[in-house]
Protein backbone atom coordinates (compact mmCIF):
# COMPACT_ATOMS: atom_id res chain seq x y z
CA MET A 1 -0.31 -0.10 -0.02
CA PRO A 2 1.60 3.39 -0.97
CA GLU A 3 2.59 6.00 1.58
CA GLN A 4 3.38 9.69 1.58
CA VAL A 5 5.74 12.08 3.14
CA LEU A 6 6.37 15.58 3.11
CA LEU A 7 9.58 16.77 3.79
CA LYS A 8 11.36 19.93 4.58
CA VAL A 9 13.84 21.09 2.27
CA GLY A 10 16.36 23.85 2.91
CA GLY A 11 18.24 25.36 0.12
CA MET A 12 15.11 25.39 -2.50
CA HIS A 13 14.57 28.74 -3.53
CA CYS A 14 12.64 28.75 -6.62
CA LYS A 15 10.88 26.72 -9.67
CA SER A 16 13.59 25.37 -11.07
CA CYS A 17 14.60 23.94 -7.65
CA ALA A 18 11.91 22.25 -7.03
CA ARG A 19 12.15 20.64 -10.30
CA LEU A 20 15.09 19.15 -9.82
CA ILE A 21 13.70 17.52 -6.46
CA GLU A 22 10.81 16.45 -8.18
CA LEU A 23 13.12 15.27 -11.23
CA GLU A 24 15.49 13.39 -9.10
CA MET A 25 12.64 11.56 -6.84
CA LYS A 26 10.89 10.39 -9.91
CA ASP A 27 13.51 8.63 -10.84
CA LYS A 28 13.71 6.29 -8.10
CA ASP A 29 12.37 2.99 -7.86
CA GLY A 30 8.90 2.78 -5.83
CA VAL A 31 8.28 6.63 -5.84
CA LEU A 32 5.00 6.95 -7.31
CA ALA A 33 4.51 10.59 -7.48
CA ALA A 34 6.89 13.78 -6.08
CA SER A 35 5.71 17.42 -6.17
CA ALA A 36 7.78 20.01 -4.93
CA ASP A 37 6.82 23.55 -3.42
CA ASP A 38 9.54 25.82 -3.73
CA ALA A 39 7.57 28.76 -1.71
CA ALA A 40 6.73 26.76 1.33
CA GLY A 41 10.05 24.78 1.26
CA GLU A 42 8.39 21.28 1.10
CA ALA A 43 8.52 17.94 -1.26
CA SER A 44 5.67 15.65 -0.92
CA ILE A 45 6.41 12.47 -2.06
CA GLU A 46 4.15 8.83 -2.41
CA TYR A 47 6.24 5.97 -2.71
CA ASP A 48 5.94 1.91 -2.19
CA PRO A 49 7.45 1.22 1.22
CA ALA A 50 8.10 -2.33 -0.23
CA LYS A 51 10.33 -0.92 -2.45
CA ILE A 52 12.44 2.37 -1.00
CA ASP A 53 12.42 3.42 2.44
CA LEU A 54 12.28 7.00 3.65
CA GLU A 55 16.11 7.20 4.57
CA ALA A 56 16.69 6.70 0.79
CA LEU A 57 13.70 9.23 0.05
CA ARG A 58 15.79 11.77 2.17
CA GLN A 59 18.99 10.78 0.18
CA GLY A 60 17.33 11.60 -3.42
CA VAL A 61 16.96 14.73 -2.29
CA ARG A 62 20.47 15.56 -1.10
CA ASP A 63 21.70 13.72 -3.82
CA ALA A 64 19.73 16.52 -5.98
CA GLY A 65 21.90 19.31 -4.12
CA TYR A 66 19.28 20.04 -1.23
CA ASP A 67 19.10 19.67 2.57
CA VAL A 68 16.32 17.68 4.38
CA LEU A 69 15.49 19.73 7.48
C-alpha cells in the first residue's frame, strides 16, 4: 500500500529548484509521485515502502543538492 511523506527542504529557492527535486525523486524505483513547492520549502512524495524507504527518499533530496530539514 502506498505511503506519502512531506519533507521540509532547505535551499530550494525557485521553481527550477523544485523541478530538480521532482525529477530526482521520480527517477527512484518505488516513487509513485513527487511534487515540490519552493514557496513552502516542502516536497511531497508518494512511494511504495516495499521498494524504497524514507532514508532513501531523504538521500534523493540530498543527491539533488538540497538539505532535508
